[in-house]
N, C-alpha and C. Protein backbone atom coordinates (compact mmCIF):
# COMPACT_ATOMS: atom_id res chain seq x y z
N MET A 1 92.73 105.64 91.14
CA MET A 1 93.36 106.94 90.97
C MET A 1 94.87 106.79 91.08
N GLY A 2 95.57 107.41 90.19
CA GLY A 2 97.03 107.29 90.18
C GLY A 2 97.71 108.37 91.00
N LYS A 3 98.99 108.22 91.14
CA LYS A 3 99.81 109.20 91.87
C LYS A 3 100.29 110.25 90.87
N VAL A 4 100.11 111.52 91.21
CA VAL A 4 100.50 112.60 90.32
C VAL A 4 101.93 113.05 90.65
N GLU A 5 102.74 113.20 89.61
CA GLU A 5 104.09 113.72 89.74
C GLU A 5 104.24 114.93 88.85
N TYR A 6 105.04 115.88 89.28
CA TYR A 6 105.39 117.04 88.47
C TYR A 6 106.88 116.96 88.22
N ILE A 7 107.25 116.88 86.96
CA ILE A 7 108.65 116.71 86.60
C ILE A 7 109.16 117.98 85.93
N VAL A 8 110.25 118.52 86.46
CA VAL A 8 110.87 119.71 85.88
C VAL A 8 112.00 119.22 84.96
N PHE A 9 111.86 119.54 83.68
CA PHE A 9 112.90 119.22 82.71
C PHE A 9 113.67 120.50 82.40
N TYR A 10 115.00 120.39 82.36
CA TYR A 10 115.81 121.57 82.02
C TYR A 10 117.04 121.13 81.24
N TYR A 11 117.50 122.01 80.37
CA TYR A 11 118.61 121.70 79.48
C TYR A 11 119.90 122.27 80.05
N ASN A 12 120.88 121.39 80.23
CA ASN A 12 122.19 121.80 80.74
C ASN A 12 123.12 122.04 79.56
N CYS A 13 123.45 123.31 79.29
CA CYS A 13 124.28 123.67 78.13
C CYS A 13 125.71 123.18 78.27
N GLU A 14 126.21 123.04 79.49
CA GLU A 14 127.59 122.61 79.70
C GLU A 14 127.79 121.14 79.35
N THR A 15 126.83 120.31 79.73
CA THR A 15 126.96 118.87 79.48
C THR A 15 126.12 118.41 78.28
N PHE A 16 125.33 119.33 77.71
CA PHE A 16 124.44 119.02 76.59
C PHE A 16 123.46 117.90 76.93
N GLU A 17 122.96 117.92 78.16
CA GLU A 17 122.02 116.90 78.62
C GLU A 17 120.70 117.54 79.04
N VAL A 18 119.64 116.79 78.88
CA VAL A 18 118.35 117.19 79.43
C VAL A 18 118.26 116.53 80.81
N CYS A 19 118.12 117.34 81.83
CA CYS A 19 118.05 116.84 83.20
C CYS A 19 116.61 116.91 83.68
N LYS A 20 116.30 116.14 84.72
CA LYS A 20 114.95 116.20 85.26
C LYS A 20 114.98 116.01 86.77
N LYS A 21 113.99 116.58 87.41
CA LYS A 21 113.81 116.43 88.85
C LYS A 21 112.32 116.30 89.11
N SER A 22 111.94 115.33 89.92
CA SER A 22 110.54 115.02 90.15
C SER A 22 110.06 115.57 91.49
N PHE A 23 108.81 116.05 91.50
CA PHE A 23 108.19 116.59 92.72
C PHE A 23 106.77 116.04 92.84
N SER A 24 106.28 115.93 94.07
CA SER A 24 104.91 115.47 94.26
C SER A 24 103.93 116.64 94.33
N ALA A 25 104.44 117.85 94.55
CA ALA A 25 103.57 119.04 94.63
C ALA A 25 103.94 120.05 93.54
N LEU A 26 102.93 120.62 92.92
CA LEU A 26 103.17 121.60 91.86
C LEU A 26 103.89 122.84 92.39
N THR A 27 103.56 123.25 93.62
CA THR A 27 104.21 124.44 94.18
C THR A 27 105.71 124.22 94.33
N ASP A 28 106.12 123.03 94.75
CA ASP A 28 107.56 122.72 94.87
C ASP A 28 108.24 122.76 93.51
N ALA A 29 107.56 122.23 92.50
CA ALA A 29 108.12 122.23 91.14
C ALA A 29 108.28 123.66 90.63
N LYS A 30 107.30 124.52 90.91
CA LYS A 30 107.37 125.92 90.47
C LYS A 30 108.50 126.67 91.17
N VAL A 31 108.69 126.41 92.47
CA VAL A 31 109.78 127.05 93.22
C VAL A 31 111.12 126.63 92.64
N PHE A 32 111.29 125.34 92.37
CA PHE A 32 112.54 124.85 91.78
C PHE A 32 112.77 125.47 90.40
N LYS A 33 111.70 125.55 89.60
CA LYS A 33 111.82 126.15 88.27
C LYS A 33 112.28 127.60 88.36
N ASN A 34 111.71 128.36 89.28
CA ASN A 34 112.08 129.76 89.45
C ASN A 34 113.53 129.91 89.93
N GLU A 35 114.02 128.94 90.71
CA GLU A 35 115.39 128.98 91.20
C GLU A 35 116.40 128.75 90.08
N ILE A 36 116.06 127.91 89.11
CA ILE A 36 117.04 127.53 88.08
C ILE A 36 116.80 128.20 86.73
N ILE A 37 115.73 128.98 86.59
CA ILE A 37 115.33 129.51 85.28
C ILE A 37 116.42 130.38 84.65
N GLU A 38 117.19 131.10 85.45
CA GLU A 38 118.23 131.96 84.90
C GLU A 38 119.49 131.17 84.56
N GLU A 39 119.66 130.04 85.23
CA GLU A 39 120.88 129.24 85.06
C GLU A 39 120.80 128.30 83.86
N TYR A 40 119.62 127.80 83.57
CA TYR A 40 119.44 126.81 82.52
C TYR A 40 118.47 127.32 81.46
N GLU A 41 118.59 126.76 80.27
CA GLU A 41 117.66 127.11 79.20
C GLU A 41 116.55 126.07 79.12
N SER A 42 115.45 126.49 78.56
CA SER A 42 114.34 125.59 78.25
C SER A 42 113.88 124.78 79.47
N VAL A 43 113.31 125.46 80.44
CA VAL A 43 112.81 124.81 81.65
C VAL A 43 111.30 124.61 81.50
N ASP A 44 110.85 123.37 81.64
CA ASP A 44 109.43 123.05 81.50
C ASP A 44 108.98 122.16 82.66
N ILE A 45 107.71 122.31 83.03
CA ILE A 45 107.11 121.43 84.03
C ILE A 45 106.10 120.53 83.32
N ILE A 46 106.25 119.25 83.50
CA ILE A 46 105.34 118.26 82.91
C ILE A 46 104.60 117.55 84.05
N LYS A 47 103.27 117.45 83.91
CA LYS A 47 102.46 116.72 84.89
C LYS A 47 102.27 115.30 84.39
N ARG A 48 102.49 114.34 85.28
CA ARG A 48 102.35 112.94 84.89
C ARG A 48 101.60 112.20 85.98
N THR A 49 100.74 111.32 85.57
CA THR A 49 100.01 110.48 86.52
C THR A 49 100.51 109.04 86.40
N VAL A 50 100.94 108.50 87.53
CA VAL A 50 101.47 107.14 87.55
C VAL A 50 100.41 106.23 88.16
N PHE A 51 100.06 105.19 87.43
CA PHE A 51 99.08 104.24 87.92
C PHE A 51 99.78 102.97 88.37
N GLU A 52 99.42 102.52 89.55
CA GLU A 52 99.96 101.27 90.07
C GLU A 52 99.29 100.11 89.33
N GLU A 53 100.07 99.09 89.02
CA GLU A 53 99.48 97.92 88.38
C GLU A 53 98.80 97.06 89.43
N LEU A 54 97.63 96.60 89.09
CA LEU A 54 96.92 95.71 90.00
C LEU A 54 97.19 94.27 89.61
N ILE A 55 97.63 93.50 90.57
CA ILE A 55 97.89 92.08 90.32
C ILE A 55 96.74 91.29 90.94
N LEU A 56 96.01 90.59 90.08
CA LEU A 56 94.85 89.84 90.57
C LEU A 56 95.19 88.39 90.76
């Protein structure tokens, strides 16, 4: 089983960059999204599962 991450992507109009911030809990990602939603455009939460490589 891999480690789940929730990544908040948001577009910074001033620097023309797509920024991201990673969270381990969905609730934390949602709180962050709600805090920045008025400040930034195009805010999305992406769920990603990271699998550790096994070395045999």
